[in-house]
């Protein structure tokens, strides 16, 4: 989408560090944050987060 971590964070109401930790699989976001990230990136949440079999 061409967004910086800071821009994505602002769109979701979280810090840039939160976005960074989600990207690096250090932090698993709440359902609400996952949905906000998906909305900001114009993607279904399943494209961003999934369960391993």
N, C-alpha and C. Protein backbone atom coordinates (compact mmCIF):
# COMPACT_ATOMS: atom_id res chain seq x y z
N UNK A 1 0.82 -1.20 0.00
CA UNK A 1 0.00 0.00 0.00
C UNK A 1 0.86 1.25 0.00
N UNK A 2 2.14 1.12 0.25
CA UNK A 2 3.01 2.28 0.24
C UNK A 2 2.96 3.13 1.50
N UNK A 3 2.36 2.61 2.57
CA UNK A 3 2.29 3.35 3.83
C UNK A 3 3.54 3.09 4.66
N UNK A 4 3.97 4.09 5.38
CA UNK A 4 5.02 3.87 6.36
C UNK A 4 4.38 3.25 7.61
N UNK A 5 5.22 2.72 8.47
CA UNK A 5 4.70 2.19 9.73
C UNK A 5 4.00 3.30 10.51
N UNK A 6 4.57 4.49 10.48
CA UNK A 6 3.97 5.62 11.20
C UNK A 6 2.60 5.97 10.64
N UNK A 7 2.47 5.96 9.32
CA UNK A 7 1.17 6.28 8.70
C UNK A 7 0.14 5.20 9.02
N UNK A 8 0.54 3.95 8.96
CA UNK A 8 -0.37 2.86 9.30
C UNK A 8 -0.77 2.94 10.76
N UNK A 9 0.19 3.21 11.61
CA UNK A 9 -0.09 3.34 13.04
C UNK A 9 -1.10 4.45 13.30
N UNK A 10 -0.90 5.59 12.66
CA UNK A 10 -1.82 6.72 12.84
C UNK A 10 -3.23 6.35 12.37
N UNK A 11 -3.33 5.65 11.25
CA UNK A 11 -4.64 5.25 10.73
C UNK A 11 -5.36 4.29 11.68
N UNK A 12 -4.59 3.54 12.47
CA UNK A 12 -5.17 2.54 13.38
C UNK A 12 -5.24 3.01 14.82
N UNK A 13 -4.66 4.18 15.10
CA UNK A 13 -4.71 4.70 16.46
C UNK A 13 -3.76 4.01 17.42
N UNK A 14 -2.62 3.54 16.91
CA UNK A 14 -1.62 2.89 17.75
C UNK A 14 -0.26 3.52 17.47
N UNK A 15 0.75 3.09 18.20
CA UNK A 15 2.10 3.63 17.98
C UNK A 15 2.79 2.91 16.82
N UNK A 16 3.81 3.56 16.29
CA UNK A 16 4.60 2.95 15.23
C UNK A 16 5.26 1.67 15.75
N UNK A 17 5.68 1.69 17.01
CA UNK A 17 6.31 0.51 17.60
C UNK A 17 5.34 -0.67 17.63
N UNK A 18 4.07 -0.42 17.88
CA UNK A 18 3.08 -1.50 17.86
C UNK A 18 3.00 -2.12 16.48
N UNK A 19 2.94 -1.30 15.45
CA UNK A 19 2.90 -1.82 14.08
C UNK A 19 4.16 -2.63 13.80
N UNK A 20 5.30 -2.13 14.23
CA UNK A 20 6.57 -2.84 14.02
C UNK A 20 6.56 -4.20 14.70
N UNK A 21 6.07 -4.28 15.93
CA UNK A 21 6.07 -5.56 16.63
C UNK A 21 5.08 -6.54 16.02
N UNK A 22 3.98 -6.05 15.48
CA UNK A 22 3.04 -6.93 14.77
C UNK A 22 3.70 -7.45 13.50
N UNK A 23 4.35 -6.58 12.74
CA UNK A 23 5.03 -6.98 11.50
C UNK A 23 6.08 -8.04 11.75
N UNK A 24 6.77 -7.95 12.86
CA UNK A 24 7.86 -8.87 13.17
C UNK A 24 7.42 -10.07 14.01
N UNK A 25 6.11 -10.26 14.15
CA UNK A 25 5.54 -11.41 14.87
C UNK A 25 5.98 -11.46 16.33
N UNK A 26 6.26 -10.30 16.92
CA UNK A 26 6.61 -10.22 18.33
C UNK A 26 5.33 -10.06 19.15
N UNK A 27 4.35 -9.41 18.56
CA UNK A 27 3.09 -9.09 19.23
C UNK A 27 1.93 -9.57 18.36
N UNK A 28 1.01 -10.30 18.97
CA UNK A 28 -0.20 -10.73 18.26
C UNK A 28 -1.29 -9.71 18.61
N UNK A 29 -1.83 -9.03 17.61
CA UNK A 29 -2.79 -7.96 17.90
C UNK A 29 -4.15 -8.50 18.36
N UNK A 30 -4.86 -7.63 19.04
CA UNK A 30 -6.24 -7.96 19.40
C UNK A 30 -7.06 -8.07 18.12
N UNK A 31 -8.23 -8.62 18.26
CA UNK A 31 -9.13 -8.73 17.11
C UNK A 31 -9.46 -7.35 16.55
N UNK A 32 -9.69 -6.40 17.42
CA UNK A 32 -10.03 -5.04 16.98
C UNK A 32 -8.87 -4.43 16.20
N UNK A 33 -7.66 -4.57 16.71
CA UNK A 33 -6.51 -4.02 16.00
C UNK A 33 -6.28 -4.74 14.68
N UNK A 34 -6.45 -6.05 14.65
CA UNK A 34 -6.30 -6.80 13.40
C UNK A 34 -7.28 -6.30 12.36
N UNK A 35 -8.51 -6.04 12.77
CA UNK A 35 -9.52 -5.53 11.84
C UNK A 35 -9.19 -4.11 11.38
N UNK A 36 -8.68 -3.28 12.28
CA UNK A 36 -8.28 -1.92 11.91
C UNK A 36 -7.12 -1.95 10.91
N UNK A 37 -6.15 -2.83 11.14
CA UNK A 37 -5.03 -2.96 10.21
C UNK A 37 -5.52 -3.40 8.84
N UNK A 38 -6.40 -4.39 8.82
CA UNK A 38 -6.93 -4.88 7.55
C UNK A 38 -7.70 -3.78 6.82
N UNK A 39 -8.49 -3.03 7.55
CA UNK A 39 -9.25 -1.94 6.93
C UNK A 39 -8.31 -0.87 6.36
N UNK A 40 -7.30 -0.49 7.15
CA UNK A 40 -6.36 0.54 6.70
C UNK A 40 -5.58 0.09 5.47
N UNK A 41 -5.35 -1.21 5.37
CA UNK A 41 -4.60 -1.75 4.22
C UNK A 41 -5.52 -2.22 3.09
N UNK A 42 -6.82 -2.05 3.30
CA UNK A 42 -7.82 -2.43 2.29
C UNK A 42 -7.68 -3.90 1.89
N UNK A 43 -7.53 -4.74 2.91
CA UNK A 43 -7.38 -6.18 2.70
C UNK A 43 -8.30 -6.93 3.65
N UNK A 44 -8.75 -8.13 3.28
CA UNK A 44 -9.47 -8.95 4.26
C UNK A 44 -8.49 -9.36 5.37
N UNK A 45 -8.99 -9.45 6.57
CA UNK A 45 -8.13 -9.78 7.71
C UNK A 45 -7.39 -11.10 7.50
N UNK A 46 -8.01 -12.02 6.77
CA UNK A 46 -7.38 -13.33 6.50
C UNK A 46 -6.13 -13.21 5.63
N UNK A 47 -5.98 -12.11 4.92
CA UNK A 47 -4.76 -11.91 4.13
C UNK A 47 -3.59 -11.48 5.02
N UNK A 48 -3.90 -10.95 6.20
CA UNK A 48 -2.86 -10.48 7.11
C UNK A 48 -2.55 -11.48 8.21
N UNK A 49 -3.57 -12.21 8.66
CA UNK A 49 -3.43 -13.13 9.80
C UNK A 49 -4.12 -14.45 9.50
N UNK A 50 -3.46 -15.54 9.86
CA UNK A 50 -4.03 -16.86 9.61
C UNK A 50 -3.49 -17.84 10.64
N UNK A 51 -4.16 -18.97 10.75
CA UNK A 51 -3.72 -20.04 11.65
C UNK A 51 -2.93 -21.07 10.86
N UNK A 52 -1.82 -21.50 11.43
CA UNK A 52 -1.05 -22.58 10.81
C UNK A 52 -1.77 -23.89 11.11
N UNK A 53 -1.77 -24.78 10.16
CA UNK A 53 -2.40 -26.09 10.37
C UNK A 53 -1.50 -26.99 11.18
